[in-house]
Amino acid sequence: MTKKSERHSSSNIIVIGIDHGWSLIKTSDFIFTTGVKELTTHPAFPNHILEFENKYYAIGEKRLIVKDTKVENENFYLLTLAAIAMELRKRETCSNL
């Protein structure tokens, strides 16, 4: 019998764990503040910027205000997309070594 990792090594499944805290978003490789701010212009420097649906968002700056739930608006969705992008970018960089 083969190991589970050997059986699934050719699949395209990537598991990314994300902890959606009120003040920090945490993945296995990154921790950043739960900050999301929509930018009105194209950013001059692309660091910590999420582009989604033709809009730009600064990620990880000033912490969001705590709300009753995390689904009242799309902020935590945007933070999730940013966390996924960071993890995928790291994996892509590591696989090219």
PDB file of N, CA and C in Angstrom:
ATOM      1  N   MET A   1       0.850  -1.182   0.000  1.00  0.00           N
ATOM      2  CA  MET A   1       0.000   0.000   0.000  1.00  0.00           C
ATOM      3  C   MET A   1       0.894   1.244   0.000  1.00  0.00           C
ATOM      4  N   THR A   2       0.524   2.221  -0.788  1.00  0.00           N
ATOM      5  CA  THR A   2       1.311   3.444  -0.869  1.00  0.00           C
ATOM      6  C   THR A   2       0.856   4.428   0.194  1.00  0.00           C
ATOM      7  N   LYS A   3       1.747   5.331   0.519  1.00  0.00           N
ATOM      8  CA  LYS A   3       1.406   6.368   1.487  1.00  0.00           C
ATOM      9  C   LYS A   3       0.415   7.336   0.855  1.00  0.00           C
ATOM     10  N   LYS A   4      -0.358   8.004   1.708  1.00  0.00           N
ATOM     11  CA  LYS A   4      -1.360   8.956   1.225  1.00  0.00           C
ATOM     12  C   LYS A   4      -0.715  10.044   0.376  1.00  0.00           C
ATOM     13  N   SER A   5       0.438  10.561   0.818  1.00  0.00           N
ATOM     14  CA  SER A   5       1.089  11.632   0.065  1.00  0.00           C
ATOM     15  C   SER A   5       1.538  11.153  -1.311  1.00  0.00           C
ATOM     16  N   GLU A   6       1.941   9.885  -1.434  1.00  0.00           N
ATOM     17  CA  GLU A   6       2.335   9.348  -2.727  1.00  0.00           C
ATOM     18  C   GLU A   6       1.132   9.172  -3.643  1.00  0.00           C
ATOM     19  N   ARG A   7       0.000   8.760  -3.078  1.00  0.00           N
ATOM     20  CA  ARG A   7      -1.207   8.559  -3.880  1.00  0.00           C
ATOM     21  C   ARG A   7      -1.725   9.859  -4.448  1.00  0.00           C
ATOM     22  N   HIS A   8      -1.540  10.962  -3.744  1.00  0.00           N
ATOM     23  CA  HIS A   8      -2.091  12.245  -4.172  1.00  0.00           C
ATOM     24  C   HIS A   8      -1.034  13.197  -4.705  1.00  0.00           C
ATOM     25  N   SER A   9       0.183  12.721  -4.901  1.00  0.00           N
ATOM     26  CA  SER A   9       1.247  13.623  -5.316  1.00  0.00           C
ATOM     27  C   SER A   9       1.037  14.197  -6.709  1.00  0.00           C
ATOM     28  N   SER A  10       0.305  13.506  -7.557  1.00  0.00           N
ATOM     29  CA  SER A  10       0.085  14.027  -8.902  1.00  0.00           C
ATOM     30  C   SER A  10      -1.174  14.889  -9.014  1.00  0.00           C
ATOM     31  N   SER A  11      -1.931  15.010  -7.937  1.00  0.00           N
ATOM     32  CA  SER A  11      -3.147  15.824  -7.998  1.00  0.00           C
ATOM     33  C   SER A  11      -2.806  17.302  -7.905  1.00  0.00           C
ATOM     34  N   ASN A  12      -3.744  18.140  -8.264  1.00  0.00           N
ATOM     35  CA  ASN A  12      -3.546  19.581  -8.205  1.00  0.00           C
ATOM     36  C   ASN A  12      -4.153  20.195  -6.961  1.00  0.00           C
ATOM     37  N   ILE A  13      -4.397  19.405  -5.948  1.00  0.00           N
ATOM     38  CA  ILE A  13      -5.007  19.909  -4.720  1.00  0.00           C
ATOM     39  C   ILE A  13      -3.936  20.559  -3.852  1.00  0.00           C
ATOM     40  N   ILE A  14      -4.222  21.766  -3.413  1.00  0.00           N
ATOM     41  CA  ILE A  14      -3.336  22.474  -2.497  1.00  0.00           C
ATOM     42  C   ILE A  14      -4.165  22.851  -1.284  1.00  0.00           C
ATOM     43  N   VAL A  15      -3.714  22.458  -0.116  1.00  0.00           N
ATOM     44  CA  VAL A  15      -4.416  22.779   1.117  1.00  0.00           C
ATOM     45  C   VAL A  15      -3.735  23.987   1.756  1.00  0.00           C
ATOM     46  N   ILE A  16      -4.529  25.024   2.008  1.00  0.00           N
ATOM     47  CA  ILE A  16      -4.013  26.237   2.644  1.00  0.00           C
ATOM     48  C   ILE A  16      -4.882  26.531   3.853  1.00  0.00           C
ATOM     49  N   GLY A  17      -4.296  26.447   5.019  1.00  0.00           N
ATOM     50  CA  GLY A  17      -5.021  26.766   6.248  1.00  0.00           C
ATOM     51  C   GLY A  17      -4.913  28.252   6.557  1.00  0.00           C
ATOM     52  N   ILE A  18      -6.041  28.863   6.916  1.00  0.00           N
ATOM     53  CA  ILE A  18      -6.067  30.294   7.236  1.00  0.00           C
ATOM     54  C   ILE A  18      -6.842  30.490   8.527  1.00  0.00           C
ATOM     55  N   ASP A  19      -6.232  31.186   9.473  1.00  0.00           N
ATOM     56  CA  ASP A  19      -6.888  31.549  10.728  1.00  0.00           C
ATOM     57  C   ASP A  19      -7.333  33.003  10.603  1.00  0.00           C
ATOM     58  N   HIS A  20      -8.643  33.215  10.621  1.00  0.00           N
ATOM     59  CA  HIS A  20      -9.214  34.553  10.469  1.00  0.00           C
ATOM     60  C   HIS A  20      -9.453  35.170  11.841  1.00  0.00           C
ATOM     61  N   GLY A  21      -8.414  35.691  12.450  1.00  0.00           N
ATOM     62  CA  GLY A  21      -8.567  36.354  13.734  1.00  0.00           C
ATOM     63  C   GLY A  21      -9.122  37.757  13.560  1.00  0.00           C
ATOM     64  N   TRP A  22      -9.522  38.381  14.669  1.00  0.00           N
ATOM     65  CA  TRP A  22     -10.045  39.746  14.586  1.00  0.00           C
ATOM     66  C   TRP A  22      -8.947  40.767  14.329  1.00  0.00           C
ATOM     67  N   SER A  23      -7.733  40.483  14.776  1.00  0.00           N
ATOM     68  CA  SER A  23      -6.672  41.468  14.564  1.00  0.00           C
ATOM     69  C   SER A  23      -5.587  40.979  13.609  1.00  0.00           C
ATOM     70  N   LEU A  24      -5.449  39.655  13.437  1.00  0.00           N
ATOM     71  CA  LEU A  24      -4.421  39.115  12.565  1.00  0.00           C
ATOM     72  C   LEU A  24      -4.972  37.982  11.699  1.00  0.00           C
ATOM     73  N   ILE A  25      -4.487  37.900  10.484  1.00  0.00           N
ATOM     74  CA  ILE A  25      -4.735  36.754   9.607  1.00  0.00           C
ATOM     75  C   ILE A  25      -3.462  35.920   9.671  1.00  0.00           C
ATOM     76  N   LYS A  26      -3.611  34.611   9.866  1.00  0.00           N
ATOM     77  CA  LYS A  26      -2.447  33.753   9.997  1.00  0.00           C
ATOM     78  C   LYS A  26      -2.550  32.566   9.044  1.00  0.00           C
ATOM     79  N   THR A  27      -1.450  32.294   8.340  1.00  0.00           N
ATOM     80  CA  THR A  27      -1.326  31.091   7.532  1.00  0.00           C
ATOM     81  C   THR A  27      -0.102  30.355   8.057  1.00  0.00           C
ATOM     82  N   SER A  28       0.265  29.271   7.420  1.00  0.00           N
ATOM     83  CA  SER A  28       1.446  28.541   7.901  1.00  0.00           C
ATOM     84  C   SER A  28       2.724  29.342   7.706  1.00  0.00           C
ATOM     85  N   ASP A  29       2.739  30.286   6.771  1.00  0.00           N
ATOM     86  CA  ASP A  29       3.960  31.040   6.482  1.00  0.00           C
ATOM     87  C   ASP A  29       3.859  32.544   6.688  1.00  0.00           C
ATOM     88  N   PHE A  30       2.664  33.073   6.904  1.00  0.00           N
ATOM     89  CA  PHE A  30       2.491  34.521   6.979  1.00  0.00           C
ATOM     90  C   PHE A  30       1.553  34.917   8.115  1.00  0.00           C
ATOM     91  N   ILE A  31       1.805  36.091   8.665  1.00  0.00           N
ATOM     92  CA  ILE A  31       0.911  36.726   9.635  1.00  0.00           C
ATOM     93  C   ILE A  31       0.823  38.191   9.232  1.00  0.00           C
ATOM     94  N   PHE A  32      -0.419  38.690   9.101  1.00  0.00           N
ATOM     95  CA  PHE A  32      -0.568  40.099   8.775  1.00  0.00           C
ATOM     96  C   PHE A  32      -1.837  40.653   9.418  1.00  0.00           C
ATOM     97  N   THR A  33      -1.840  41.960   9.617  1.00  0.00           N
ATOM     98  CA  THR A  33      -2.942  42.661  10.264  1.00  0.00           C
ATOM     99  C   THR A  33      -4.186  42.613   9.391  1.00  0.00           C
ATOM    100  N   THR A  34      -5.347  42.558  10.024  1.00  0.00           N
ATOM    101  CA  THR A  34      -6.617  42.499   9.301  1.00  0.00           C
ATOM    102  C   THR A  34      -7.007  43.878   8.768  1.00  0.00           C
ATOM    103  N   GLY A  35      -6.155  44.444   7.972  1.00  0.00           N
ATOM    104  CA  GLY A  35      -6.425  45.748   7.389  1.00  0.00           C
ATOM    105  C   GLY A  35      -6.749  45.643   5.914  1.00  0.00           C
ATOM    106  N   VAL A  36      -7.803  46.323   5.488  1.00  0.00           N
ATOM    107  CA  VAL A  36      -8.182  46.401   4.079  1.00  0.00           C
ATOM    108  C   VAL A  36      -8.583  47.843   3.798  1.00  0.00           C
ATOM    109  N   LYS A  37      -7.955  48.424   2.784  1.00  0.00           N
ATOM    110  CA  LYS A  37      -8.324  49.789   2.402  1.00  0.00           C
ATOM    111  C   LYS A  37      -8.351  49.861   0.889  1.00  0.00           C
ATOM    112  N   GLU A  38      -9.512  50.219   0.337  1.00  0.00           N
ATOM    113  CA  GLU A  38      -9.610  50.372  -1.110  1.00  0.00           C
ATOM    114  C   GLU A  38      -8.840  51.615  -1.540  1.00  0.00           C
ATOM    115  N   LEU A  39      -8.051  51.455  -2.595  1.00  0.00           N
ATOM    116  CA  LEU A  39      -7.270  52.566  -3.123  1.00  0.00           C
ATOM    117  C   LEU A  39      -8.017  53.199  -4.288  1.00  0.00           C
ATOM    118  N   THR A  40      -7.924  54.495  -4.400  1.00  0.00           N
ATOM    119  CA  THR A  40      -8.658  55.206  -5.446  1.00  0.00           C
ATOM    120  C   THR A  40      -7.866  55.297  -6.740  1.00  0.00           C
ATOM    121  N   THR A  41      -6.562  55.034  -6.684  1.00  0.00           N
ATOM    122  CA  THR A  41      -5.722  55.089  -7.882  1.00  0.00           C
ATOM    123  C   THR A  41      -4.869  53.830  -7.963  1.00  0.00           C
ATOM    124  N   HIS A  42      -4.276  53.625  -9.124  1.00  0.00           N
ATOM    125  CA  HIS A  42      -3.355  52.515  -9.310  1.00  0.00           C
ATOM    126  C   HIS A  42      -2.159  52.722  -8.380  1.00  0.00           C
ATOM    127  N   PRO A  43      -1.792  51.713  -7.584  1.00  0.00           N
ATOM    128  CA  PRO A  43      -0.700  51.910  -6.632  1.00  0.00           C
ATOM    129  C   PRO A  43       0.659  52.036  -7.322  1.00  0.00           C
ATOM    130  N   ALA A  44       1.477  52.932  -6.814  1.00  0.00           N
ATOM    131  CA  ALA A  44       2.821  53.124  -7.362  1.00  0.00           C
ATOM    132  C   ALA A  44       3.726  51.951  -6.999  1.00  0.00           C
ATOM    133  N   PHE A  45       3.532  51.404  -5.794  1.00  0.00           N
ATOM    134  CA  PHE A  45       4.322  50.273  -5.324  1.00  0.00           C
ATOM    135  C   PHE A  45       3.381  49.099  -5.066  1.00  0.00           C
ATOM    136  N   PRO A  46       3.643  47.953  -5.679  1.00  0.00           N
ATOM    137  CA  PRO A  46       2.703  46.829  -5.583  1.00  0.00           C
ATOM    138  C   PRO A  46       2.801  45.993  -4.301  1.00  0.00           C
ATOM    139  N   ASN A  47       3.613  46.387  -3.361  1.00  0.00           N
ATOM    140  CA  ASN A  47       3.748  45.599  -2.131  1.00  0.00           C
ATOM    141  C   ASN A  47       2.473  45.627  -1.308  1.00  0.00           C
ATOM    142  N   HIS A  48       2.040  44.465  -0.878  1.00  0.00           N
ATOM    143  CA  HIS A  48       0.863  44.308  -0.025  1.00  0.00           C
ATOM    144  C   HIS A  48      -0.396  44.892  -0.665  1.00  0.00           C
ATOM    145  N   ILE A  49      -0.511  44.693  -1.966  1.00  0.00           N
ATOM    146  CA  ILE A  49      -1.665  45.174  -2.716  1.00  0.00           C
ATOM    147  C   ILE A  49      -2.404  43.977  -3.309  1.00  0.00           C
ATOM    148  N   LEU A  50      -3.705  43.986  -3.163  1.00  0.00           N
ATOM    149  CA  LEU A  50      -4.552  42.973  -3.778  1.00  0.00           C
ATOM    150  C   LEU A  50      -5.338  43.643  -4.893  1.00  0.00           C
ATOM    151  N   GLU A  51      -5.294  43.060  -6.079  1.00  0.00           N
ATOM    152  CA  GLU A  51      -6.125  43.530  -7.179  1.00  0.00           C
ATOM    153  C   GLU A  51      -7.262  42.538  -7.336  1.00  0.00           C
ATOM    154  N   PHE A  52      -8.490  43.029  -7.249  1.00  0.00           N
ATOM    155  CA  PHE A  52      -9.662  42.164  -7.345  1.00  0.00           C
ATOM    156  C   PHE A  52     -10.788  42.938  -8.006  1.00  0.00           C
ATOM    157  N   GLU A  53     -11.340  42.377  -9.078  1.00  0.00           N
ATOM    158  CA  GLU A  53     -12.437  42.983  -9.828  1.00  0.00           C
ATOM    159  C   GLU A  53     -12.145  44.432 -10.210  1.00  0.00           C
ATOM    160  N   ASN A  54     -10.962  44.637 -10.776  1.00  0.00           N
ATOM    161  CA  ASN A  54     -10.510  45.946 -11.272  1.00  0.00           C
ATOM    162  C   ASN A  54     -10.414  47.011 -10.185  1.00  0.00           C
ATOM    163  N   LYS A  55     -10.253  46.585  -8.949  1.00  0.00           N
ATOM    164  CA  LYS A  55     -10.034  47.509  -7.839  1.00  0.00           C
ATOM    165  C   LYS A  55      -8.759  47.091  -7.127  1.00  0.00           C
ATOM    166  N   TYR A  56      -8.138  48.049  -6.451  1.00  0.00           N
ATOM    167  CA  TYR A  56      -6.909  47.788  -5.714  1.00  0.00           C
ATOM    168  C   TYR A  56      -7.165  48.001  -4.227  1.00  0.00           C
ATOM    169  N   TYR A  57      -6.590  47.110  -3.416  1.00  0.00           N
ATOM    170  CA  TYR A  57      -6.753  47.178  -1.965  1.00  0.00           C
ATOM    171  C   TYR A  57      -5.395  47.067  -1.292  1.00  0.00           C
ATOM    172  N   ALA A  58      -5.141  47.968  -0.355  1.00  0.00           N
ATOM    173  CA  ALA A  58      -3.954  47.851   0.494  1.00  0.00           C
ATOM    174  C   ALA A  58      -4.314  46.858   1.590  1.00  0.00           C
ATOM    175  N   ILE A  59      -3.465  45.865   1.790  1.00  0.00           N
ATOM    176  CA  ILE A  59      -3.733  44.796   2.745  1.00  0.00           C
ATOM    177  C   ILE A  59      -2.752  44.882   3.903  1.00  0.00           C
ATOM    178  N   GLY A  60      -3.262  44.698   5.106  1.00  0.00           N
ATOM    179  CA  GLY A  60      -2.406  44.563   6.277  1.00  0.00           C
ATOM    180  C   GLY A  60      -1.967  45.838   6.944  1.00  0.00           C
ATOM    181  N   GLU A  61      -2.612  46.930   6.641  1.00  0.00           N
ATOM    182  CA  GLU A  61      -2.213  48.185   7.277  1.00  0.00           C
ATOM    183  C   GLU A  61      -2.986  48.363   8.590  1.00  0.00           C
ATOM    184  N   LYS A  62      -3.860  49.332   8.661  1.00  0.00           N
ATOM    185  CA  LYS A  62      -4.607  49.603   9.888  1.00  0.00           C
ATOM    186  C   LYS A  62      -5.641  48.500  10.137  1.00  0.00           C
ATOM    187  N   ARG A  63      -5.696  48.014  11.355  1.00  0.00           N
ATOM    188  CA  ARG A  63      -6.593  46.926  11.740  1.00  0.00           C
ATOM    189  C   ARG A  63      -8.058  47.331  11.567  1.00  0.00           C
ATOM    190  N   LEU A  64      -8.860  46.374  11.087  1.00  0.00           N
ATOM    191  CA  LEU A  64     -10.293  46.613  10.947  1.00  0.00           C
ATOM    192  C   LEU A  64     -10.968  46.751  12.302  1.00  0.00           C
ATOM    193  N   ILE A  65     -12.052  47.490  12.334  1.00  0.00           N
ATOM    194  CA  ILE A  65     -12.868  47.603  13.541  1.00  0.00           C
ATOM    195  C   ILE A  65     -13.635  46.302  13.726  1.00  0.00           C
ATOM    196  N   VAL A  66     -13.677  45.814  14.947  1.00  0.00           N
ATOM    197  CA  VAL A  66     -14.384  44.564  15.236  1.00  0.00           C
ATOM    198  C   VAL A  66     -15.884  44.765  15.026  1.00  0.00           C
ATOM    199  N   LYS A  67     -16.488  43.875  14.264  1.00  0.00           N
ATOM    200  CA  LYS A  67     -17.926  43.909  13.981  1.00  0.00           C
ATOM    201  C   LYS A  67     -18.587  42.713  14.665  1.00  0.00           C
ATOM    202  N   ASP A  68     -19.905  42.646  14.609  1.00  0.00           N
ATOM    203  CA  ASP A  68     -20.620  41.511  15.186  1.00  0.00           C
ATOM    204  C   ASP A  68     -20.268  40.206  14.482  1.00  0.00           C
ATOM    205  N   THR A  69     -20.078  40.266  13.157  1.00  0.00           N
ATOM    206  CA  THR A  69     -19.677  39.082  12.397  1.00  0.00           C
ATOM    207  C   THR A  69     -18.620  39.491  11.377  1.00  0.00           C
ATOM    208  N   LYS A  70     -17.961  38.500  10.811  1.00  0.00           N
ATOM    209  CA  LYS A  70     -16.932  38.766   9.812  1.00  0.00           C
ATOM    210  C   LYS A  70     -17.485  38.727   8.399  1.00  0.00           C
ATOM    211  N   VAL A  71     -18.794  38.583   8.268  1.00  0.00           N
ATOM    212  CA  VAL A  71     -19.398  38.510   6.939  1.00  0.00           C
ATOM    213  C   VAL A  71     -20.336  39.680   6.656  1.00  0.00           C
ATOM    214  N   GLU A  72     -20.244  40.737   7.435  1.00  0.00           N
ATOM    215  CA  GLU A  72     -21.084  41.918   7.218  1.00  0.00           C
ATOM    216  C   GLU A  72     -20.709  42.652   5.934  1.00  0.00           C
ATOM    217  N   ASN A  73     -19.450  42.527   5.537  1.00  0.00           N
ATOM    218  CA  ASN A  73     -18.983  43.130   4.289  1.00  0.00           C
ATOM    219  C   ASN A  73     -17.945  42.185   3.687  1.00  0.00           C
ATOM    220  N   GLU A  74     -17.288  42.606   2.622  1.00  0.00           N
ATOM    221  CA  GLU A  74     -16.367  41.695   1.946  1.00  0.00           C
ATOM    222  C   GLU A  74     -14.925  41.773   2.440  1.00  0.00           C
ATOM    223  N   ASN A  75     -14.661  42.476   3.524  1.00  0.00           N
ATOM    224  CA  ASN A  75     -13.291  42.645   4.001  1.00  0.00           C
ATOM    225  C   ASN A  75     -12.582  41.318   4.263  1.00  0.00           C
ATOM    226  N   PHE A  76     -13.220  40.392   4.976  1.00  0.00           N
ATOM    227  CA  PHE A  76     -12.550  39.132   5.290  1.00  0.00           C
ATOM    228  C   PHE A  76     -12.440  38.237   4.051  1.00  0.00           C
ATOM    229  N   TYR A  77     -13.323  38.404   3.093  1.00  0.00           N
ATOM    230  CA  TYR A  77     -13.180  37.701   1.820  1.00  0.00           C
ATOM    231  C   TYR A  77     -11.911  38.179   1.113  1.00  0.00           C
ATOM    232  N   LEU A  78     -11.714  39.505   1.082  1.00  0.00           N
ATOM    233  CA  LEU A  78     -10.526  40.078   0.465  1.00  0.00           C
ATOM    234  C   LEU A  78      -9.260  39.639   1.197  1.00  0.00           C
ATOM    235  N   LEU A  79      -9.316  39.597   2.523  1.00  0.00           N
ATOM    236  CA  LEU A  79      -8.169  39.133   3.310  1.00  0.00           C
ATOM    237  C   LEU A  79      -7.867  37.665   3.019  1.00  0.00           C
ATOM    238  N   THR A  80      -8.911  36.871   2.815  1.00  0.00           N
ATOM    239  CA  THR A  80      -8.727  35.462   2.472  1.00  0.00           C
ATOM    240  C   THR A  80      -8.037  35.334   1.119  1.00  0.00           C
ATOM    241  N   LEU A  81      -8.490  36.111   0.143  1.00  0.00           N
ATOM    242  CA  LEU A  81      -7.846  36.090  -1.176  1.00  0.00           C
ATOM    243  C   LEU A  81      -6.379  36.490  -1.080  1.00  0.00           C
ATOM    244  N   ALA A  82      -6.084  37.496  -0.272  1.00  0.00           N
ATOM    245  CA  ALA A  82      -4.699  37.934  -0.098  1.00  0.00           C
ATOM    246  C   ALA A  82      -3.858  36.827   0.543  1.00  0.00           C
ATOM    247  N   ALA A  83      -4.396  36.161   1.547  1.00  0.00           N
ATOM    248  CA  ALA A  83      -3.664  35.075   2.209  1.00  0.00           C
ATOM    249  C   ALA A  83      -3.388  33.933   1.240  1.00  0.00           C
ATOM    250  N   ILE A  84      -4.386  33.576   0.444  1.00  0.00           N
ATOM    251  CA  ILE A  84      -4.212  32.507  -0.546  1.00  0.00           C
ATOM    252  C   ILE A  84      -3.137  32.909  -1.561  1.00  0.00           C
ATOM    253  N   ALA A  85      -3.191  34.137  -2.044  1.00  0.00           N
ATOM    254  CA  ALA A  85      -2.216  34.615  -3.026  1.00  0.00           C
ATOM    255  C   ALA A  85      -0.797  34.571  -2.453  1.00  0.00           C
ATOM    256  N   MET A  86      -0.639  34.971  -1.212  1.00  0.00           N
ATOM    257  CA  MET A  86       0.680  34.953  -0.583  1.00  0.00           C
ATOM    258  C   MET A  86       1.225  33.528  -0.485  1.00  0.00           C
ATOM    259  N   GLU A  87       0.371  32.608  -0.059  1.00  0.00           N
ATOM    260  CA  GLU A  87       0.804  31.213   0.069  1.00  0.00           C
ATOM    261  C   GLU A  87       1.127  30.602  -1.290  1.00  0.00           C
ATOM    262  N   LEU A  88       0.302  30.868  -2.303  1.00  0.00           N
ATOM    263  CA  LEU A  88       0.565  30.334  -3.635  1.00  0.00           C
ATOM    264  C   LEU A  88       1.838  30.928  -4.229  1.00  0.00           C
ATOM    265  N   ARG A  89       2.051  32.207  -4.024  1.00  0.00           N
ATOM    266  CA  ARG A  89       3.268  32.853  -4.521  1.00  0.00           C
ATOM    267  C   ARG A  89       4.503  32.225  -3.873  1.00  0.00           C
ATOM    268  N   LYS A  90       4.429  31.960  -2.583  1.00  0.00           N
ATOM    269  CA  LYS A  90       5.567  31.335  -1.885  1.00  0.00           C
ATOM    270  C   LYS A  90       5.819  29.939  -2.437  1.00  0.00           C
ATOM    271  N   ARG A  91       4.772  29.168  -2.647  1.00  0.00           N
ATOM    272  CA  ARG A  91       4.933  27.818  -3.185  1.00  0.00           C
ATOM    273  C   ARG A  91       5.515  27.849  -4.593  1.00  0.00           C
ATOM    274  N   GLU A  92       5.071  28.806  -5.406  1.00  0.00           N
ATOM    275  CA  GLU A  92       5.595  28.943  -6.762  1.00  0.00           C
ATOM    276  C   GLU A  92       7.069  29.286  -6.731  1.00  0.00           C
ATOM    277  N   THR A  93       7.464  30.186  -5.856  1.00  0.00           N
ATOM    278  CA  THR A  93       8.859  30.589  -5.717  1.00  0.00           C
ATOM    279  C   THR A  93       9.701  29.403  -5.254  1.00  0.00           C
ATOM    280  N   CYS A  94       9.207  28.658  -4.288  1.00  0.00           N
ATOM    281  CA  CYS A  94       9.960  27.517  -3.766  1.00  0.00           C
ATOM    282  C   CYS A  94      10.089  26.410  -4.811  1.00  0.00           C
ATOM    283  N   SER A  95       9.072  26.221  -5.632  1.00  0.00           N
ATOM    284  CA  SER A  95       9.129  25.145  -6.627  1.00  0.00           C
ATOM    285  C   SER A  95      10.078  25.467  -7.778  1.00  0.00           C
ATOM    286  N   ASN A  96      10.437  26.732  -7.934  1.00  0.00           N
ATOM    287  CA  ASN A  96      11.356  27.129  -9.007  1.00  0.00           C
ATOM    288  C   ASN A  96      12.812  27.042  -8.589  1.00  0.00           C
ATOM    289  N   LEU A  97      13.090  26.726  -7.349  1.00  0.00           N
ATOM    290  CA  LEU A  97      14.483  26.668  -6.877  1.00  0.00           C
ATOM    291  C   LEU A  97      15.218  25.477  -7.425  1.00  0.00           C
TER     292      LEU A  97
END
